């Protein structure tokens, strides 16, 4: 997503912090249970506990595979780490974009 002055609002893969389970910045799934109710200023991140890598998840890819009414809790079992190719134990995290 780009700002009107061409500033990239979604940071790349090297943000500088590691996404971990139980992080204070992570959003709560109870506020927005489905993908279509999630506001656009939230980004989805996947985290692999095996190699401790994280990556940005595109919403349009999730909509294409699971549909717009998919529960956010159901996205994590479908995640695949692109570095170590692990499917088990991957976590989903929601982050709010900075203003």
C-alpha atoms as a PDB file:
ATOM      1  CA  UNK A   1       0.000   0.000   0.000  1.00  0.00           C
ATOM      2  CA  UNK A   2       1.386   3.394  -0.954  1.00  0.00           C
ATOM      3  CA  UNK A   3       0.854   6.798   0.563  1.00  0.00           C
ATOM      4  CA  UNK A   4      -0.172   9.575  -1.827  1.00  0.00           C
ATOM      5  CA  UNK A   5       3.412  10.882  -1.686  1.00  0.00           C
ATOM      6  CA  UNK A   6       4.732   7.459  -2.778  1.00  0.00           C
ATOM      7  CA  UNK A   7       5.867   6.483   0.698  1.00  0.00           C
ATOM      8  CA  UNK A   8       5.677   2.726   1.163  1.00  0.00           C
ATOM      9  CA  UNK A   9       3.486   2.138   4.215  1.00  0.00           C
ATOM     10  CA  UNK A  10       4.045  -1.601   4.387  1.00  0.00           C
ATOM     11  CA  UNK A  11       7.638  -2.249   5.327  1.00  0.00           C
ATOM     12  CA  UNK A  12       9.629  -4.928   3.565  1.00  0.00           C
ATOM     13  CA  UNK A  13      10.983  -8.192   4.937  1.00  0.00           C
ATOM     14  CA  UNK A  14      13.755  -6.474   6.907  1.00  0.00           C
ATOM     15  CA  UNK A  15      11.694  -4.319   9.267  1.00  0.00           C
ATOM     16  CA  UNK A  16      14.177  -4.634  12.100  1.00  0.00           C
ATOM     17  CA  UNK A  17      12.069  -6.457  14.674  1.00  0.00           C
ATOM     18  CA  UNK A  18      11.181 -10.094  15.079  1.00  0.00           C
ATOM     19  CA  UNK A  19       7.545 -11.086  15.266  1.00  0.00           C
ATOM     20  CA  UNK A  20       7.057 -13.441  18.173  1.00  0.00           C
ATOM     21  CA  UNK A  21       4.117 -15.153  19.753  1.00  0.00           C
ATOM     22  CA  UNK A  22       2.391 -13.029  22.373  1.00  0.00           C
ATOM     23  CA  UNK A  23       3.898  -9.775  21.195  1.00  0.00           C
ATOM     24  CA  UNK A  24       2.313  -6.624  22.595  1.00  0.00           C
ATOM     25  CA  UNK A  25       1.956  -5.144  19.136  1.00  0.00           C
ATOM     26  CA  UNK A  26      -0.073  -8.055  17.835  1.00  0.00           C
ATOM     27  CA  UNK A  27      -3.791  -7.380  17.432  1.00  0.00           C
ATOM     28  CA  UNK A  28      -6.602  -9.405  18.967  1.00  0.00           C
ATOM     29  CA  UNK A  29      -8.641 -11.761  16.785  1.00  0.00           C
ATOM     30  CA  UNK A  30     -11.787 -11.093  18.833  1.00  0.00           C
ATOM     31  CA  UNK A  31     -12.113  -7.531  17.553  1.00  0.00           C
ATOM     32  CA  UNK A  32     -12.052  -8.549  13.882  1.00  0.00           C
ATOM     33  CA  UNK A  33     -12.827 -12.263  13.538  1.00  0.00           C
ATOM     34  CA  UNK A  34     -12.988 -12.412   9.720  1.00  0.00           C
ATOM     35  CA  UNK A  35     -10.852 -11.050   6.920  1.00  0.00           C
ATOM     36  CA  UNK A  36     -13.608  -8.840   5.486  1.00  0.00           C
ATOM     37  CA  UNK A  37     -14.133  -7.101   8.862  1.00  0.00           C
ATOM     38  CA  UNK A  38     -10.421  -6.388   9.318  1.00  0.00           C
ATOM     39  CA  UNK A  39      -9.693  -2.695   8.569  1.00  0.00           C
ATOM     40  CA  UNK A  40      -7.200  -1.920   5.819  1.00  0.00           C
ATOM     41  CA  UNK A  41      -4.726  -0.297   8.217  1.00  0.00           C
ATOM     42  CA  UNK A  42      -3.929  -3.743   9.667  1.00  0.00           C
ATOM     43  CA  UNK A  43      -1.340  -5.952   7.988  1.00  0.00           C
ATOM     44  CA  UNK A  44      -1.034  -9.702   8.358  1.00  0.00           C
ATOM     45  CA  UNK A  45       2.324 -11.269   9.199  1.00  0.00           C
ATOM     46  CA  UNK A  46       3.259 -14.923   9.355  1.00  0.00           C
ATOM     47  CA  UNK A  47       5.911 -16.184  11.778  1.00  0.00           C
ATOM     48  CA  UNK A  48       7.827 -19.469  11.691  1.00  0.00           C
ATOM     49  CA  UNK A  49       9.001 -20.681  15.129  1.00  0.00           C
ATOM     50  CA  UNK A  50      11.544 -23.074  13.616  1.00  0.00           C
ATOM     51  CA  UNK A  51      13.739 -20.558  11.776  1.00  0.00           C
ATOM     52  CA  UNK A  52      12.286 -17.408  13.444  1.00  0.00           C
ATOM     53  CA  UNK A  53      11.532 -15.739  10.136  1.00  0.00           C
ATOM     54  CA  UNK A  54       8.502 -13.623   9.390  1.00  0.00           C
ATOM     55  CA  UNK A  55       6.847 -12.393   6.252  1.00  0.00           C
ATOM     56  CA  UNK A  56       4.071 -10.158   5.032  1.00  0.00           C
ATOM     57  CA  UNK A  57       0.894 -11.970   3.925  1.00  0.00           C
ATOM     58  CA  UNK A  58      -1.055 -10.424   1.067  1.00  0.00           C
ATOM     59  CA  UNK A  59      -4.776 -10.151   1.749  1.00  0.00           C
ATOM     60  CA  UNK A  60      -5.715 -10.787  -1.858  1.00  0.00           C
ATOM     61  CA  UNK A  61      -3.915 -14.140  -1.760  1.00  0.00           C
ATOM     62  CA  UNK A  62      -5.822 -15.152   1.376  1.00  0.00           C
ATOM     63  CA  UNK A  63      -9.109 -14.049  -0.213  1.00  0.00           C
ATOM     64  CA  UNK A  64      -8.347 -16.059  -3.326  1.00  0.00           C
ATOM     65  CA  UNK A  65      -7.566 -19.252  -1.404  1.00  0.00           C
ATOM     66  CA  UNK A  66      -9.892 -19.091   1.625  1.00  0.00           C
ATOM     67  CA  UNK A  67     -12.476 -16.448   0.677  1.00  0.00           C
ATOM     68  CA  UNK A  68     -13.257 -13.039   2.163  1.00  0.00           C
ATOM     69  CA  UNK A  69     -15.301 -14.492   5.017  1.00  0.00           C
ATOM     70  CA  UNK A  70     -12.434 -16.678   6.263  1.00  0.00           C
ATOM     71  CA  UNK A  71     -11.801 -16.591   9.980  1.00  0.00           C
ATOM     72  CA  UNK A  72      -8.427 -15.130  10.908  1.00  0.00           C
ATOM     73  CA  UNK A  73      -7.816 -18.057  13.255  1.00  0.00           C
ATOM     74  CA  UNK A  74      -8.125 -20.444  10.275  1.00  0.00           C
ATOM     75  CA  UNK A  75      -5.330 -18.793   8.262  1.00  0.00           C
ATOM     76  CA  UNK A  76      -2.397 -20.026  10.399  1.00  0.00           C
ATOM     77  CA  UNK A  77      -2.687 -23.753   9.472  1.00  0.00           C
ATOM     78  CA  UNK A  78      -2.373 -22.802   5.788  1.00  0.00           C
ATOM     79  CA  UNK A  79       0.899 -20.883   6.206  1.00  0.00           C
ATOM     80  CA  UNK A  80       4.131 -22.254   4.741  1.00  0.00           C
ATOM     81  CA  UNK A  81       7.576 -20.903   5.620  1.00  0.00           C
ATOM     82  CA  UNK A  82       9.421 -20.025   2.420  1.00  0.00           C
ATOM     83  CA  UNK A  83      12.842 -20.482   4.055  1.00  0.00           C
ATOM     84  CA  UNK A  84      12.602 -23.862   5.824  1.00  0.00           C
ATOM     85  CA  UNK A  85       9.356 -25.130   4.201  1.00  0.00           C
ATOM     86  CA  UNK A  86       7.704 -25.915   7.521  1.00  0.00           C
ATOM     87  CA  UNK A  87       3.907 -25.974   7.775  1.00  0.00           C
ATOM     88  CA  UNK A  88       3.420 -26.896  11.430  1.00  0.00           C
ATOM     89  CA  UNK A  89       3.409 -24.362  14.231  1.00  0.00           C
ATOM     90  CA  UNK A  90       3.366 -21.224  12.070  1.00  0.00           C
ATOM     91  CA  UNK A  91       1.655 -18.253  13.699  1.00  0.00           C
ATOM     92  CA  UNK A  92      -0.386 -15.382  12.325  1.00  0.00           C
ATOM     93  CA  UNK A  93       0.051 -11.877  13.683  1.00  0.00           C
ATOM     94  CA  UNK A  94      -1.905  -8.691  12.973  1.00  0.00           C
ATOM     95  CA  UNK A  95      -0.096  -5.374  13.127  1.00  0.00           C
ATOM     96  CA  UNK A  96      -1.418  -1.860  12.850  1.00  0.00           C
ATOM     97  CA  UNK A  97       0.355   0.348  10.312  1.00  0.00           C
ATOM     98  CA  UNK A  98       2.058   3.442  11.731  1.00  0.00           C
ATOM     99  CA  UNK A  99       0.323   6.748  11.199  1.00  0.00           C
END
